[in-house]
Amino acid sequence: FNTATRLRIELDSAGVAYFFQDDKFQGVVAAGTSPDVILTPYIGVGGTATTSTALEVDYVLTACGR
């Protein structure tokens, strides 16, 4: 089906991860990552033995304050 969903993950300087879906806060992970880890955005989707999966991504935004 053609339902758009906006997903966002924000990481603070301590490595805490904040998760949002359609601008609504969904939860937090206190140890999302370590501040010294170099991060690379990645989007993946996969099916199972009985289901297929399709995904269309319009854009990926990565940003970092200086």
C-alpha atoms as a PDB file:
ATOM      1  CA  PHE A   1       0.000   0.000   0.000  1.00  0.00           C
ATOM      2  CA  ASN A   2       1.020   3.621  -0.422  1.00  0.00           C
ATOM      3  CA  THR A   3       1.123   4.918   3.143  1.00  0.00           C
ATOM      4  CA  ALA A   4       3.984   7.277   3.928  1.00  0.00           C
ATOM      5  CA  THR A   5       5.702   7.108   7.297  1.00  0.00           C
ATOM      6  CA  ARG A   6       8.375   9.495   8.496  1.00  0.00           C
ATOM      7  CA  LEU A   7      10.987   7.917  10.775  1.00  0.00           C
ATOM      8  CA  ARG A   8      13.596   9.912  12.695  1.00  0.00           C
ATOM      9  CA  ILE A   9      16.422   8.952  15.034  1.00  0.00           C
ATOM     10  CA  GLU A  10      18.260  11.647  16.953  1.00  0.00           C
ATOM     11  CA  LEU A  11      21.534  11.002  18.764  1.00  0.00           C
ATOM     12  CA  ASP A  12      22.781  13.425  21.379  1.00  0.00           C
ATOM     13  CA  SER A  13      26.432  14.074  22.250  1.00  0.00           C
ATOM     14  CA  ALA A  14      26.360  11.350  24.945  1.00  0.00           C
ATOM     15  CA  GLY A  15      25.169   8.691  22.450  1.00  0.00           C
ATOM     16  CA  VAL A  16      21.544   8.568  23.666  1.00  0.00           C
ATOM     17  CA  ALA A  17      19.139   7.639  20.815  1.00  0.00           C
ATOM     18  CA  TYR A  18      15.647   9.186  20.555  1.00  0.00           C
ATOM     19  CA  PHE A  19      13.127   7.568  18.172  1.00  0.00           C
ATOM     20  CA  PHE A  20      10.219   9.297  16.411  1.00  0.00           C
ATOM     21  CA  GLN A  21       7.535   8.099  13.997  1.00  0.00           C
ATOM     22  CA  ASP A  22       5.531  10.752  12.138  1.00  0.00           C
ATOM     23  CA  ASP A  23       6.881  13.388  14.571  1.00  0.00           C
ATOM     24  CA  LYS A  24       5.595  11.467  17.618  1.00  0.00           C
ATOM     25  CA  PHE A  25       8.126  10.391  20.229  1.00  0.00           C
ATOM     26  CA  GLN A  26       8.316   6.592  20.442  1.00  0.00           C
ATOM     27  CA  GLY A  27      11.077   5.934  22.946  1.00  0.00           C
ATOM     28  CA  VAL A  28      14.695   6.311  23.972  1.00  0.00           C
ATOM     29  CA  VAL A  29      17.732   4.042  24.223  1.00  0.00           C
ATOM     30  CA  ALA A  30      20.207   5.311  26.801  1.00  0.00           C
ATOM     31  CA  ALA A  31      23.180   3.509  25.236  1.00  0.00           C
ATOM     32  CA  GLY A  32      22.321   4.042  21.567  1.00  0.00           C
ATOM     33  CA  THR A  33      25.957   4.406  20.550  1.00  0.00           C
ATOM     34  CA  SER A  34      29.288   5.590  21.844  1.00  0.00           C
ATOM     35  CA  PRO A  35      30.304   9.178  20.968  1.00  0.00           C
ATOM     36  CA  ASP A  36      33.607   7.928  19.473  1.00  0.00           C
ATOM     37  CA  VAL A  37      31.920   5.626  16.911  1.00  0.00           C
ATOM     38  CA  ILE A  38      31.824   6.875  13.315  1.00  0.00           C
ATOM     39  CA  LEU A  39      28.257   6.441  12.025  1.00  0.00           C
ATOM     40  CA  THR A  40      27.073   5.741   8.485  1.00  0.00           C
ATOM     41  CA  PRO A  41      23.363   5.900   7.583  1.00  0.00           C
ATOM     42  CA  TYR A  42      21.983   2.614   6.271  1.00  0.00           C
ATOM     43  CA  ILE A  43      18.489   1.595   5.175  1.00  0.00           C
ATOM     44  CA  GLY A  44      17.694  -2.066   4.719  1.00  0.00           C
ATOM     45  CA  VAL A  45      14.610  -4.164   4.121  1.00  0.00           C
ATOM     46  CA  GLY A  46      14.179  -7.866   3.708  1.00  0.00           C
ATOM     47  CA  GLY A  47      11.498 -10.445   3.219  1.00  0.00           C
ATOM     48  CA  THR A  48      11.010 -13.830   4.803  1.00  0.00           C
ATOM     49  CA  ALA A  49      10.438 -17.258   3.295  1.00  0.00           C
ATOM     50  CA  THR A  50       6.683 -16.537   3.123  1.00  0.00           C
ATOM     51  CA  THR A  51       6.473 -12.768   2.601  1.00  0.00           C
ATOM     52  CA  SER A  52       7.984 -10.248   0.244  1.00  0.00           C
ATOM     53  CA  THR A  53       8.874  -6.722   1.248  1.00  0.00           C
ATOM     54  CA  ALA A  54       9.115  -3.476  -0.704  1.00  0.00           C
ATOM     55  CA  LEU A  55      10.433  -0.136   0.485  1.00  0.00           C
ATOM     56  CA  GLU A  56      10.694   3.242  -1.183  1.00  0.00           C
ATOM     57  CA  VAL A  57      12.831   5.918   0.442  1.00  0.00           C
ATOM     58  CA  ASP A  58      12.422   9.525  -0.681  1.00  0.00           C
ATOM     59  CA  TYR A  59      15.421  10.931   1.130  1.00  0.00           C
ATOM     60  CA  VAL A  60      17.839  10.467   4.016  1.00  0.00           C
ATOM     61  CA  LEU A  61      18.982  13.498   5.976  1.00  0.00           C
ATOM     62  CA  THR A  62      22.044  13.401   8.162  1.00  0.00           C
ATOM     63  CA  ALA A  63      23.221  16.472  10.037  1.00  0.00           C
ATOM     64  CA  CYS A  64      25.613  17.376  12.791  1.00  0.00           C
ATOM     65  CA  GLY A  65      25.997  20.606  14.737  1.00  0.00           C
ATOM     66  CA  ARG A  66      29.429  22.142  14.853  1.00  0.00           C
END
